[in-house]
Amino acid sequence: MISSGQDPISYNFSYKSPVMNKEKNIFLGFKVVKQSNSKQETTTSYLYTQNLQSLPTKIVAIDKNSPEVFKIKLNDYSGVHYKNFDSMALKKSIDGFNSSVDKIASWKEENFEYDQNLCTKKKTTNTQYGTLTSVYKFFKNDLLGSYNICFVSSIAYEGRHANHPNYDFSSMASIERNAIGLVTKILMDDYLKQSVEYDDQYRISALETGSD
């Protein structure tokens, strides 16, 4: 691979544990895929489901210059049901740095909750510094019919600091939309951040950015 301003990089790939869907006789992929170059090695483990989903469960990235410390991401999924269709959705994700000699030096854990349309209705982010809770509401319109489209209309944020409660906060982002769901206005705690106008073909005709 060649990028402007960067030295050419060559990637090597290796694969383990092929997975087949026995009912449909379809090759789905490999449980473990390793990608490496001269600087980094990344190993990804996958979960395959009966409805042909390919879900990354573990990603480990090692810098070859300091292999004792590595970046790791762990994903946990739960079964969900939508319109007579069984699927899997991300339930928890842990992202951080690990060490072969110490505990995880820094980490972020995200937990997800979904509504009946499989839209993320709540996300809780935990770190060693505190917790951020995001609660989502969605734009509803009869023009969209039965389409499962997660158009966000508002996000309520609540931040709690583990050791500094004087920095706790709450905030509300509101997103206004037109009849077909295009964003027309974004507000943060009633302060205008951006407004958008469209022509009769729904192309952007005017864009205004609010002041902080």
Protein backbone atom coordinates (compact mmCIF):
# COMPACT_ATOMS: atom_id res chain seq x y z
CA MET A 1 0.00 0.00 0.00
CA ILE A 2 1.29 3.48 -0.93
CA SER A 3 0.05 6.71 0.69
CA SER A 4 1.14 10.24 -0.09
CA GLY A 5 4.02 11.28 2.18
CA GLN A 6 4.44 7.79 3.63
CA ASP A 7 6.81 4.93 2.92
CA PRO A 8 5.24 1.96 1.07
CA ILE A 9 3.83 -0.67 3.43
CA SER A 10 3.35 -4.35 2.66
CA TYR A 11 0.80 -6.41 4.59
CA ASN A 12 0.87 -10.14 5.20
CA PHE A 13 -2.25 -12.09 6.13
CA SER A 14 -2.75 -15.50 7.73
CA TYR A 15 -6.00 -17.33 8.47
CA LYS A 16 -7.12 -20.03 10.90
CA SER A 17 -10.25 -22.13 11.44
CA PRO A 18 -12.48 -21.79 8.37
CA VAL A 19 -16.24 -21.66 9.06
CA MET A 20 -18.99 -23.07 6.86
CA ASN A 21 -22.75 -22.68 7.04
CA LYS A 22 -23.73 -26.34 6.77
CA GLU A 23 -27.38 -25.71 5.91
CA LYS A 24 -26.64 -23.50 2.90
CA ASN A 25 -23.18 -24.88 2.17
CA ILE A 26 -21.71 -21.37 2.21
CA PHE A 27 -18.19 -20.43 3.27
CA LEU A 28 -18.53 -17.69 5.89
CA GLY A 29 -14.92 -16.85 6.68
CA PHE A 30 -12.24 -17.61 9.25
CA LYS A 31 -12.45 -17.51 13.03
CA VAL A 32 -9.01 -15.89 13.30
CA VAL A 33 -7.40 -13.44 10.87
CA LYS A 34 -3.91 -12.04 11.41
CA GLN A 35 -2.63 -8.97 9.58
CA SER A 36 0.95 -7.80 9.92
CA ASN A 37 3.43 -5.34 8.50
CA SER A 38 6.88 -4.18 9.53
CA LYS A 39 5.51 -2.13 12.42
CA GLN A 40 2.36 -3.79 13.73
CA GLU A 41 0.59 -7.11 14.04
CA THR A 42 -3.21 -7.25 14.44
CA THR A 43 -5.13 -10.44 15.27
CA THR A 44 -8.92 -10.46 15.00
CA SER A 45 -11.20 -13.24 16.26
CA TYR A 46 -14.71 -13.58 14.81
CA LEU A 47 -18.04 -15.02 15.87
CA TYR A 48 -20.21 -16.39 13.06
CA THR A 49 -23.97 -16.79 13.45
CA GLN A 50 -26.54 -18.91 11.65
CA ASN A 51 -27.93 -15.83 9.88
CA LEU A 52 -24.53 -15.25 8.26
CA GLN A 53 -23.32 -12.47 10.54
CA SER A 54 -19.57 -12.02 10.99
CA LEU A 55 -18.89 -10.34 14.33
CA PRO A 56 -15.44 -9.36 15.66
CA THR A 57 -15.13 -10.50 19.29
CA LYS A 58 -11.47 -9.77 20.02
CA ILE A 59 -8.93 -7.50 18.37
CA VAL A 60 -5.33 -7.40 19.57
CA ALA A 61 -2.87 -4.94 18.01
CA ILE A 62 0.82 -5.25 18.89
CA ASP A 63 3.45 -2.64 18.13
CA LYS A 64 6.54 -4.61 17.19
CA ASN A 65 8.78 -1.95 18.73
CA SER A 66 7.15 -2.45 22.16
CA PRO A 67 5.44 -5.88 22.14
CA GLU A 68 5.05 -5.97 25.93
CA VAL A 69 2.22 -3.39 25.69
CA PHE A 70 -0.62 -3.99 23.25
CA LYS A 71 -3.99 -2.54 22.33
CA ILE A 72 -6.97 -4.81 22.91
CA LYS A 73 -10.68 -4.60 22.13
CA LEU A 74 -13.26 -7.11 23.38
CA ASN A 75 -16.84 -7.23 22.08
CA ASP A 76 -19.75 -9.10 23.66
CA TYR A 77 -23.02 -9.68 21.82
CA SER A 78 -26.55 -10.64 22.82
CA GLY A 79 -29.42 -12.14 20.87
CA VAL A 80 -32.09 -9.74 19.60
CA HIS A 81 -35.36 -10.23 17.73
CA TYR A 82 -36.79 -7.91 15.10
CA LYS A 83 -39.80 -8.63 12.86
CA ASN A 84 -39.50 -12.42 12.98
CA PHE A 85 -35.76 -12.19 12.47
CA ASP A 86 -33.21 -13.33 15.06
CA SER A 87 -29.92 -11.52 15.12
CA MET A 88 -27.04 -10.47 17.36
CA ALA A 89 -26.33 -6.95 18.57
CA LEU A 90 -23.35 -5.45 20.37
CA LYS A 91 -23.99 -5.51 24.12
CA LYS A 92 -20.62 -4.52 25.59
CA SER A 93 -17.32 -3.31 24.19
CA ILE A 94 -14.07 -2.90 26.15
CA ASP A 95 -11.28 -0.93 24.54
CA GLY A 96 -7.89 -0.34 26.14
CA PHE A 97 -4.21 -1.10 26.48
CA ASN A 98 -2.93 -4.23 28.15
CA SER A 99 0.47 -5.38 29.27
CA SER A 100 2.13 -8.73 29.66
CA VAL A 101 3.33 -7.67 33.13
CA ASP A 102 0.73 -5.19 34.44
CA LYS A 103 -3.03 -4.76 34.40
CA ILE A 104 -4.77 -2.76 31.69
CA ALA A 105 -3.17 0.67 31.81
CA SER A 106 -6.15 2.51 30.33
CA TRP A 107 -9.56 1.30 29.23
CA LYS A 108 -13.03 2.28 28.09
CA GLU A 109 -16.11 0.11 28.51
CA GLU A 110 -19.30 0.78 26.55
CA ASN A 111 -22.65 -0.89 27.25
CA PHE A 112 -25.54 -0.71 24.78
CA GLU A 113 -29.32 -0.99 25.11
CA TYR A 114 -31.69 -1.15 22.12
CA ASP A 115 -35.32 -0.32 21.44
CA GLN A 116 -37.82 -2.49 19.55
CA ASN A 117 -36.38 -1.28 16.23
CA LEU A 118 -32.81 -2.22 17.21
CA CYS A 119 -31.84 1.45 17.51
CA THR A 120 -29.41 2.27 20.32
CA LYS A 121 -31.61 3.86 22.99
CA LYS A 122 -28.92 4.07 25.68
CA LYS A 123 -25.14 3.91 25.77
CA THR A 124 -23.14 3.91 29.00
CA THR A 125 -19.44 4.63 28.74
CA ASN A 126 -17.24 3.81 31.74
CA THR A 127 -13.59 4.72 32.18
CA GLN A 128 -11.32 4.95 35.18
CA TYR A 129 -12.23 8.64 35.32
CA GLY A 130 -16.01 8.33 35.42
CA THR A 131 -19.20 7.49 33.53
CA LEU A 132 -20.95 9.10 30.57
CA THR A 133 -24.55 8.06 29.94
CA SER A 134 -26.16 8.90 26.57
CA VAL A 135 -29.93 8.43 26.12
CA TYR A 136 -31.26 8.60 22.56
CA LYS A 137 -34.68 9.46 21.17
CA PHE A 138 -35.58 9.00 17.53
CA PHE A 139 -37.41 10.80 14.76
CA LYS A 140 -40.72 9.17 13.85
CA ASN A 141 -42.54 9.89 10.61
CA ASP A 142 -45.25 8.06 8.69
CA LEU A 143 -43.41 8.74 5.41
CA LEU A 144 -40.74 6.28 6.47
CA GLY A 145 -43.30 3.50 6.75
CA SER A 146 -41.93 0.32 8.24
CA TYR A 147 -38.31 1.05 7.37
CA ASN A 148 -35.96 0.54 10.30
CA ILE A 149 -34.09 3.86 10.18
CA CYS A 150 -32.53 5.18 13.38
CA PHE A 151 -32.80 8.95 12.86
CA VAL A 152 -31.75 10.55 16.16
CA SER A 153 -33.91 13.45 17.37
CA SER A 154 -32.21 14.07 20.73
CA ILE A 155 -29.38 12.84 22.93
CA ALA A 156 -29.36 13.45 26.68
CA TYR A 157 -25.87 13.34 28.17
CA GLU A 158 -25.04 12.84 31.82
CA GLY A 159 -21.44 12.80 32.97
CA ARG A 160 -20.27 11.64 36.39
CA HIS A 161 -16.65 11.90 37.52
CA ALA A 162 -15.39 9.26 39.91
CA ASN A 163 -13.17 11.50 42.03
CA HIS A 164 -14.27 15.00 41.05
CA PRO A 165 -18.06 15.37 41.41
CA ASN A 166 -17.77 19.14 40.93
CA TYR A 167 -17.11 18.34 37.26
CA ASP A 168 -20.35 16.37 36.84
CA PHE A 169 -22.60 17.68 34.07
CA SER A 170 -25.73 17.11 32.06
CA SER A 171 -26.47 18.34 28.55
CA MET A 172 -29.03 17.91 25.79
CA ALA A 173 -28.45 17.80 22.05
CA SER A 174 -31.55 18.29 19.89
CA ILE A 175 -31.74 17.50 16.19
CA GLU A 176 -34.63 18.86 14.15
CA ARG A 177 -35.49 17.25 10.82
CA ASN A 178 -37.74 17.86 7.83
CA ALA A 179 -40.50 15.53 6.63
CA ILE A 180 -38.10 12.99 5.10
CA GLY A 181 -35.64 13.01 7.99
CA LEU A 182 -32.94 15.39 6.73
CA VAL A 183 -31.32 17.46 9.48
CA THR A 184 -32.51 21.09 9.55
CA LYS A 185 -31.22 22.28 12.91
CA ILE A 186 -28.85 21.13 15.65
CA LEU A 187 -29.03 22.65 19.11
CA MET A 188 -26.95 22.01 22.22
CA ASP A 189 -28.77 23.05 25.38
CA ASP A 190 -30.95 25.42 23.29
CA TYR A 191 -27.90 27.06 21.68
CA LEU A 192 -27.91 26.85 17.89
CA LYS A 193 -24.94 24.89 16.58
CA GLN A 194 -25.99 24.51 12.95
CA SER A 195 -28.98 25.07 10.67
CA VAL A 196 -29.49 23.68 7.18
CA GLU A 197 -31.84 24.63 4.34
CA TYR A 198 -32.62 22.55 1.24
CA ASP A 199 -33.96 23.26 -2.24
CA ASP A 200 -36.91 21.44 -3.80
CA GLN A 201 -34.62 18.52 -4.71
CA TYR A 202 -33.40 18.22 -1.12
CA ARG A 203 -29.95 19.55 -1.93
CA ILE A 204 -28.30 21.83 0.63
CA SER A 205 -28.98 25.45 -0.32
CA ALA A 206 -27.87 27.24 2.86
CA LEU A 207 -25.76 26.31 5.88
CA GLU A 208 -25.39 28.38 9.01
CA THR A 209 -23.14 27.65 11.96
CA GLY A 210 -24.08 29.10 15.34
CA SER A 211 -21.64 30.70 17.72
CA ASP A 212 -20.44 28.99 20.91
